[in-house]
Amino acid sequence: LSLCFLVMNATAKRSTQAISEKTLRLHVALYALKLYANTRTDVYLPYDGTGDWAVHAIDSGCLVLVLALLRACRMYPCDDRATSKSECFPWEVCVVLCLLVGFLTRPCLGVDDKPDADTAFMAVQYLEIFVLLPQLAYITDRSEHQMWRSDALTSRFVFASFVFPLTPVGNWWWGLQCLARA
């Protein structure tokens, strides 16, 4: 939802002044790897399988929205984005390293014939750690020079992107408590 509002805001204002392109590129890699892992095998999806289509639809929609934001960044370039420290973030190296560490730490959950799906799944877990770093550096860099005050939709996007990876941890904790009671 935050991505949808961010696309609408960038299109309406014809400005992408508070959006880091490197963060968007990391999001593209994240959603592409997530879709690849979840369409290649259903091990990482809920057990009953009734909501598999919803997971795929949400991830596909997020990927389309991030690509729309990248297009908006090209259509409405921001003057200070090229000189920002955050835009020097080596996102390609980050993706490759996450894939490498994902390959080395893949769980092999009964998917012996599909190590690529395991690698992609683990790379997504590691990419979620790094995906917001360029955006936070961009916001910090802009606020240091007092050129920008935090836009509400961008702040909500950052908050939602931070909280979203924490939801599986809460789900895991709740499931652990249910298992302990049983």
Protein backbone atom coordinates (compact mmCIF):
# COMPACT_ATOMS: atom_id res chain seq x y z
CA LEU A 1 0.00 0.00 0.00
CA SER A 2 2.86 2.37 0.80
CA LEU A 3 4.37 1.71 -2.63
CA CYS A 4 1.05 2.50 -4.29
CA PHE A 5 0.77 5.82 -2.46
CA LEU A 6 4.38 6.64 -3.27
CA VAL A 7 3.76 6.05 -7.00
CA MET A 8 0.64 8.22 -6.88
CA ASN A 9 2.55 10.95 -5.03
CA ALA A 10 5.49 10.92 -7.47
CA THR A 11 3.14 11.01 -10.45
CA ALA A 12 0.90 13.75 -9.05
CA LYS A 13 3.75 16.02 -7.93
CA ARG A 14 5.97 15.09 -10.90
CA SER A 15 8.79 14.79 -8.42
CA THR A 16 10.87 11.99 -6.97
CA GLN A 17 13.00 14.20 -4.75
CA ALA A 18 12.87 12.00 -1.65
CA ILE A 19 13.25 8.58 -3.28
CA SER A 20 16.55 6.73 -3.56
CA GLU A 21 17.01 4.90 -6.87
CA LYS A 22 19.40 2.44 -5.25
CA THR A 23 16.73 1.41 -2.76
CA LEU A 24 14.32 0.87 -5.62
CA ARG A 25 16.86 -1.25 -7.49
CA LEU A 26 17.38 -3.37 -4.38
CA HIS A 27 13.59 -3.74 -4.11
CA VAL A 28 13.46 -4.96 -7.73
CA ALA A 29 16.07 -7.62 -6.96
CA LEU A 30 14.25 -8.55 -3.74
CA TYR A 31 10.82 -9.01 -5.33
CA ALA A 32 12.25 -10.77 -8.40
CA LEU A 33 14.12 -13.27 -6.23
CA LYS A 34 11.09 -13.70 -3.97
CA LEU A 35 8.84 -14.44 -6.96
CA TYR A 36 11.43 -16.81 -8.38
CA ALA A 37 11.76 -18.77 -5.13
CA ASN A 38 8.01 -18.95 -4.49
CA THR A 39 7.05 -19.94 -8.04
CA ARG A 40 9.82 -22.54 -8.28
CA THR A 41 8.73 -24.36 -5.11
CA ASP A 42 5.94 -24.04 -2.55
CA VAL A 43 8.09 -24.93 0.48
CA TYR A 44 8.28 -21.28 1.58
CA LEU A 45 4.54 -20.61 1.23
CA PRO A 46 1.80 -21.40 3.77
CA TYR A 47 1.14 -25.13 4.10
CA ASP A 48 -2.49 -25.28 2.95
CA GLY A 49 -1.82 -23.64 -0.43
CA THR A 50 -5.12 -21.76 -0.61
CA GLY A 51 -3.40 -18.38 -0.52
CA ASP A 52 -0.51 -19.08 -2.87
CA TRP A 53 -2.10 -16.99 -5.60
CA ALA A 54 -2.42 -14.05 -3.18
CA VAL A 55 1.28 -14.20 -2.24
CA HIS A 56 2.24 -14.26 -5.92
CA ALA A 57 -0.19 -11.43 -6.76
CA ILE A 58 1.10 -9.22 -3.94
CA ASP A 59 4.74 -9.78 -4.84
CA SER A 60 4.03 -9.22 -8.54
CA GLY A 61 2.11 -6.04 -7.76
CA CYS A 62 4.94 -4.75 -5.58
CA LEU A 63 7.44 -5.48 -8.35
CA VAL A 64 5.31 -3.56 -10.87
CA LEU A 65 4.97 -0.61 -8.47
CA VAL A 66 8.73 -0.48 -7.82
CA LEU A 67 9.37 -0.55 -11.58
CA ALA A 68 6.86 2.30 -11.96
CA LEU A 69 8.76 4.27 -9.32
CA LEU A 70 12.05 3.63 -11.14
CA ARG A 71 10.41 4.91 -14.32
CA ALA A 72 9.19 7.99 -12.45
CA CYS A 73 12.75 8.59 -11.21
CA ARG A 74 13.89 8.64 -14.85
CA MET A 75 11.02 10.88 -15.96
CA TYR A 76 11.31 13.35 -13.05
CA PRO A 77 14.99 13.39 -12.11
CA CYS A 78 16.10 15.03 -8.89
CA ASP A 79 19.08 17.39 -9.10
CA ASP A 80 20.81 16.34 -5.90
CA ARG A 81 20.39 12.59 -6.36
CA ALA A 82 23.58 12.27 -8.42
CA THR A 83 25.70 13.94 -5.73
CA SER A 84 24.20 12.10 -2.77
CA LYS A 85 26.35 9.67 -0.79
CA SER A 86 23.53 7.13 -0.82
CA GLU A 87 23.55 6.87 -4.58
CA CYS A 88 27.12 5.54 -4.42
CA PHE A 89 25.83 2.45 -2.62
CA PRO A 90 27.10 -0.64 -4.50
CA TRP A 91 23.71 -2.33 -4.88
CA GLU A 92 24.96 -4.81 -7.49
CA VAL A 93 27.71 -6.02 -5.13
CA CYS A 94 25.14 -6.26 -2.32
CA VAL A 95 22.86 -8.47 -4.43
CA VAL A 96 25.73 -10.72 -5.52
CA LEU A 97 27.00 -11.07 -1.93
CA CYS A 98 23.48 -11.87 -0.68
CA LEU A 99 23.17 -14.55 -3.37
CA LEU A 100 26.54 -15.99 -2.41
CA VAL A 101 25.73 -16.04 1.32
CA GLY A 102 22.28 -17.39 0.45
CA PHE A 103 23.90 -20.25 -1.45
CA LEU A 104 26.23 -21.03 1.44
CA THR A 105 23.45 -20.94 4.07
CA ARG A 106 20.51 -22.39 2.12
CA PRO A 107 18.33 -24.59 4.33
CA CYS A 108 17.66 -27.42 1.81
CA LEU A 109 14.13 -28.02 3.10
CA GLY A 110 13.47 -31.19 1.15
CA VAL A 111 14.08 -29.43 -2.13
CA ASP A 112 17.22 -31.27 -3.15
CA ASP A 113 16.55 -30.87 -6.85
CA LYS A 114 16.00 -27.10 -6.55
CA PRO A 115 18.97 -25.50 -4.77
CA ASP A 116 18.41 -22.34 -6.82
CA ALA A 117 15.05 -21.76 -5.08
CA ASP A 118 16.69 -22.25 -1.67
CA THR A 119 19.45 -19.82 -2.63
CA ALA A 120 16.95 -17.23 -3.87
CA PHE A 121 14.87 -17.57 -0.70
CA MET A 122 17.88 -17.06 1.57
CA ALA A 123 19.15 -14.16 -0.57
CA VAL A 124 15.77 -12.46 -0.05
CA GLN A 125 16.19 -12.82 3.71
CA TYR A 126 19.58 -11.10 3.55
CA LEU A 127 18.50 -8.45 1.03
CA GLU A 128 15.70 -7.35 3.35
CA ILE A 129 18.42 -6.25 5.76
CA PHE A 130 20.13 -3.98 3.23
CA VAL A 131 17.21 -2.72 1.17
CA LEU A 132 16.58 0.44 3.23
CA LEU A 133 20.18 1.54 3.76
CA PRO A 134 20.40 3.74 0.64
CA GLN A 135 17.03 5.36 1.40
CA LEU A 136 18.01 6.15 4.99
CA ALA A 137 21.38 7.52 3.83
CA TYR A 138 19.60 9.64 1.22
CA ILE A 139 17.19 11.09 3.78
CA THR A 140 20.05 11.76 6.20
CA ASP A 141 22.18 13.37 3.50
CA ARG A 142 19.34 15.65 2.40
CA SER A 143 18.41 16.65 5.95
CA GLU A 144 22.05 17.48 6.78
CA HIS A 145 22.04 20.05 4.01
CA GLN A 146 18.59 21.28 5.11
CA MET A 147 17.27 20.95 1.59
CA TRP A 148 14.38 18.70 2.45
CA ARG A 149 11.94 18.01 5.21
CA SER A 150 10.58 14.53 5.48
CA ASP A 151 7.69 13.94 3.11
CA ALA A 152 4.86 12.09 4.85
CA LEU A 153 4.42 9.41 2.18
CA THR A 154 8.16 8.76 1.94
CA SER A 155 8.36 8.47 5.71
CA ARG A 156 5.47 6.00 5.71
CA PHE A 157 7.18 4.01 2.93
CA VAL A 158 10.36 3.80 5.01
CA PHE A 159 8.39 2.81 8.12
CA ALA A 160 6.35 0.17 6.28
CA SER A 161 9.50 -1.21 4.62
CA PHE A 162 11.10 -1.49 8.06
CA VAL A 163 8.11 -3.08 9.79
CA PHE A 164 7.18 -5.53 7.01
CA PRO A 165 10.21 -7.84 7.48
CA LEU A 166 9.47 -7.94 11.22
CA THR A 167 6.02 -9.50 10.70
CA PRO A 168 7.39 -13.01 10.00
CA VAL A 169 9.33 -12.77 13.27
CA GLY A 170 6.08 -12.04 15.11
CA ASN A 171 4.37 -14.88 13.29
CA TRP A 172 7.22 -17.22 14.18
CA TRP A 173 7.04 -16.17 17.86
CA TRP A 174 3.27 -16.67 17.96
CA GLY A 175 3.63 -20.13 16.34
CA LEU A 176 6.35 -21.05 18.83
CA GLN A 177 4.09 -20.09 21.73
CA CYS A 178 1.25 -22.18 20.28
CA LEU A 179 3.58 -25.17 19.93
CA ALA A 180 4.80 -24.74 23.51
CA ARG A 181 1.22 -24.85 24.81
CA ALA A 182 0.36 -27.97 22.82
